[in-house]
């Protein structure tokens, strides 16, 4: 199962992946964050985070915080953060075009 979500859905994506890492093939969270208490489980799931530098709804620090927590548990964990320069909350169109889906 692949999970993807944006904003509150990004938090939900990370929650599901953190609770059921053995059932999730990979996760994508856009302008979200996660519970650092789930970092050990999240380190078992490939995760691609996306966040805009100008997001005023959910600050980019939320994505950085969960990524750093995962990397602290496992420095080799497959987690990356795509920083969207100038991106605001919901810069989904730019994100999807960057990964070739638009």
C-alpha atoms as a PDB file:
ATOM      1  CA  UNK A   1       0.000   0.000   0.000  1.00  0.00           C
ATOM      2  CA  UNK A   2       1.252   3.461  -0.906  1.00  0.00           C
ATOM      3  CA  UNK A   3      -0.060   6.417   1.096  1.00  0.00           C
ATOM      4  CA  UNK A   4      -0.059  10.084   0.168  1.00  0.00           C
ATOM      5  CA  UNK A   5      -1.618  13.133   1.746  1.00  0.00           C
ATOM      6  CA  UNK A   6      -1.490  16.897   1.887  1.00  0.00           C
ATOM      7  CA  UNK A   7      -1.742  19.164   4.940  1.00  0.00           C
ATOM      8  CA  UNK A   8      -3.800  17.290   7.558  1.00  0.00           C
ATOM      9  CA  UNK A   9      -3.689  14.383   5.118  1.00  0.00           C
ATOM     10  CA  UNK A  10       0.104  14.614   5.261  1.00  0.00           C
ATOM     11  CA  UNK A  11      -0.085  14.176   9.015  1.00  0.00           C
ATOM     12  CA  UNK A  12      -2.494  11.266   8.480  1.00  0.00           C
ATOM     13  CA  UNK A  13      -0.097   9.701   5.993  1.00  0.00           C
ATOM     14  CA  UNK A  14       2.686   9.811   8.544  1.00  0.00           C
ATOM     15  CA  UNK A  15       0.395   8.483  11.281  1.00  0.00           C
ATOM     16  CA  UNK A  16      -0.661   5.455   9.219  1.00  0.00           C
ATOM     17  CA  UNK A  17       2.917   4.763   8.112  1.00  0.00           C
ATOM     18  CA  UNK A  18       4.100   5.099  11.705  1.00  0.00           C
ATOM     19  CA  UNK A  19       1.489   2.711  13.069  1.00  0.00           C
ATOM     20  CA  UNK A  20       1.643   0.115  10.279  1.00  0.00           C
ATOM     21  CA  UNK A  21       5.151   0.233   8.773  1.00  0.00           C
ATOM     22  CA  UNK A  22       4.960  -3.424   7.747  1.00  0.00           C
ATOM     23  CA  UNK A  23       1.902  -2.699   5.584  1.00  0.00           C
ATOM     24  CA  UNK A  24       3.121   0.472   3.850  1.00  0.00           C
ATOM     25  CA  UNK A  25       5.369   0.242   0.770  1.00  0.00           C
ATOM     26  CA  UNK A  26       6.104   3.998   0.726  1.00  0.00           C
ATOM     27  CA  UNK A  27       4.646   7.325   1.830  1.00  0.00           C
ATOM     28  CA  UNK A  28       4.470  10.851   0.404  1.00  0.00           C
ATOM     29  CA  UNK A  29       3.490  13.746   2.673  1.00  0.00           C
ATOM     30  CA  UNK A  30       2.974  17.230   1.234  1.00  0.00           C
ATOM     31  CA  UNK A  31       3.033  20.231   3.602  1.00  0.00           C
ATOM     32  CA  UNK A  32       2.378  18.068   6.640  1.00  0.00           C
ATOM     33  CA  UNK A  33       4.351  16.707   9.545  1.00  0.00           C
ATOM     34  CA  UNK A  34       4.368  13.795  11.915  1.00  0.00           C
ATOM     35  CA  UNK A  35       4.601  12.529  15.452  1.00  0.00           C
ATOM     36  CA  UNK A  36       8.252  12.110  16.428  1.00  0.00           C
ATOM     37  CA  UNK A  37       7.210   9.284  18.776  1.00  0.00           C
ATOM     38  CA  UNK A  38       6.665   7.235  15.576  1.00  0.00           C
ATOM     39  CA  UNK A  39      10.184   7.901  14.241  1.00  0.00           C
ATOM     40  CA  UNK A  40      11.468   4.345  14.790  1.00  0.00           C
ATOM     41  CA  UNK A  41       8.576   2.831  12.836  1.00  0.00           C
ATOM     42  CA  UNK A  42       8.731   5.547  10.174  1.00  0.00           C
ATOM     43  CA  UNK A  43      12.403   4.749   9.614  1.00  0.00           C
ATOM     44  CA  UNK A  44      11.267   1.412   8.140  1.00  0.00           C
ATOM     45  CA  UNK A  45       9.184   3.082   5.391  1.00  0.00           C
ATOM     46  CA  UNK A  46      10.532   4.975   2.353  1.00  0.00           C
ATOM     47  CA  UNK A  47       9.185   8.531   2.769  1.00  0.00           C
ATOM     48  CA  UNK A  48       9.227  11.518   0.452  1.00  0.00           C
ATOM     49  CA  UNK A  49       8.310  14.806   2.129  1.00  0.00           C
ATOM     50  CA  UNK A  50       7.459  17.991   0.217  1.00  0.00           C
ATOM     51  CA  UNK A  51       7.118  21.430   1.762  1.00  0.00           C
ATOM     52  CA  UNK A  52       7.089  25.037   0.601  1.00  0.00           C
ATOM     53  CA  UNK A  53       9.376  27.612   2.188  1.00  0.00           C
ATOM     54  CA  UNK A  54       6.533  30.145   2.411  1.00  0.00           C
ATOM     55  CA  UNK A  55       3.910  27.856   3.933  1.00  0.00           C
ATOM     56  CA  UNK A  56       2.134  29.896   6.622  1.00  0.00           C
ATOM     57  CA  UNK A  57      -0.440  27.221   7.543  1.00  0.00           C
ATOM     58  CA  UNK A  58       1.950  24.369   8.396  1.00  0.00           C
ATOM     59  CA  UNK A  59       5.508  25.660   8.717  1.00  0.00           C
ATOM     60  CA  UNK A  60       8.283  23.792   6.928  1.00  0.00           C
ATOM     61  CA  UNK A  61       9.808  23.147  10.343  1.00  0.00           C
ATOM     62  CA  UNK A  62       7.175  20.401  10.787  1.00  0.00           C
ATOM     63  CA  UNK A  63       8.576  18.390   7.874  1.00  0.00           C
ATOM     64  CA  UNK A  64      12.142  19.078   8.976  1.00  0.00           C
ATOM     65  CA  UNK A  65      11.338  17.982  12.538  1.00  0.00           C
ATOM     66  CA  UNK A  66       9.958  14.578  11.531  1.00  0.00           C
ATOM     67  CA  UNK A  67      12.725  13.988   8.985  1.00  0.00           C
ATOM     68  CA  UNK A  68      15.393  14.783  11.591  1.00  0.00           C
ATOM     69  CA  UNK A  69      13.717  12.485  14.139  1.00  0.00           C
ATOM     70  CA  UNK A  70      13.681   9.625  11.619  1.00  0.00           C
ATOM     71  CA  UNK A  71      17.325  10.219  10.664  1.00  0.00           C
ATOM     72  CA  UNK A  72      18.291  10.326  14.352  1.00  0.00           C
ATOM     73  CA  UNK A  73      16.842   6.826  14.805  1.00  0.00           C
ATOM     74  CA  UNK A  74      18.355   5.522  11.560  1.00  0.00           C
ATOM     75  CA  UNK A  75      20.799   7.704   9.608  1.00  0.00           C
ATOM     76  CA  UNK A  76      20.334   5.406   6.594  1.00  0.00           C
ATOM     77  CA  UNK A  77      16.519   5.625   6.568  1.00  0.00           C
ATOM     78  CA  UNK A  78      14.981   6.298   3.157  1.00  0.00           C
ATOM     79  CA  UNK A  79      13.488   9.695   3.912  1.00  0.00           C
ATOM     80  CA  UNK A  80      13.972  12.862   1.898  1.00  0.00           C
ATOM     81  CA  UNK A  81      12.584  16.377   1.937  1.00  0.00           C
ATOM     82  CA  UNK A  82      11.863  18.228  -1.289  1.00  0.00           C
ATOM     83  CA  UNK A  83      11.940  21.930  -0.397  1.00  0.00           C
ATOM     84  CA  UNK A  84       9.806  24.002  -2.750  1.00  0.00           C
ATOM     85  CA  UNK A  85      11.412  27.455  -2.873  1.00  0.00           C
ATOM     86  CA  UNK A  86       8.711  30.090  -2.549  1.00  0.00           C
ATOM     87  CA  UNK A  87       6.072  27.381  -2.205  1.00  0.00           C
ATOM     88  CA  UNK A  88       3.036  28.126  -0.082  1.00  0.00           C
ATOM     89  CA  UNK A  89       0.591  25.795   1.617  1.00  0.00           C
ATOM     90  CA  UNK A  90      -0.810  23.694  -1.165  1.00  0.00           C
ATOM     91  CA  UNK A  91       1.905  24.127  -3.778  1.00  0.00           C
ATOM     92  CA  UNK A  92       0.791  20.747  -5.087  1.00  0.00           C
ATOM     93  CA  UNK A  93       0.799  21.694  -8.749  1.00  0.00           C
ATOM     94  CA  UNK A  94       4.477  22.661  -8.595  1.00  0.00           C
ATOM     95  CA  UNK A  95       5.297  19.541  -6.584  1.00  0.00           C
ATOM     96  CA  UNK A  96       3.561  17.218  -9.014  1.00  0.00           C
ATOM     97  CA  UNK A  97       5.164  18.893 -12.024  1.00  0.00           C
ATOM     98  CA  UNK A  98       8.598  18.480 -10.405  1.00  0.00           C
ATOM     99  CA  UNK A  99       8.099  14.739 -10.147  1.00  0.00           C
ATOM    100  CA  UNK A 100       6.673  14.497 -13.666  1.00  0.00           C
ATOM    101  CA  UNK A 101       2.974  13.966 -12.991  1.00  0.00           C
ATOM    102  CA  UNK A 102       1.625  17.105 -14.705  1.00  0.00           C
END
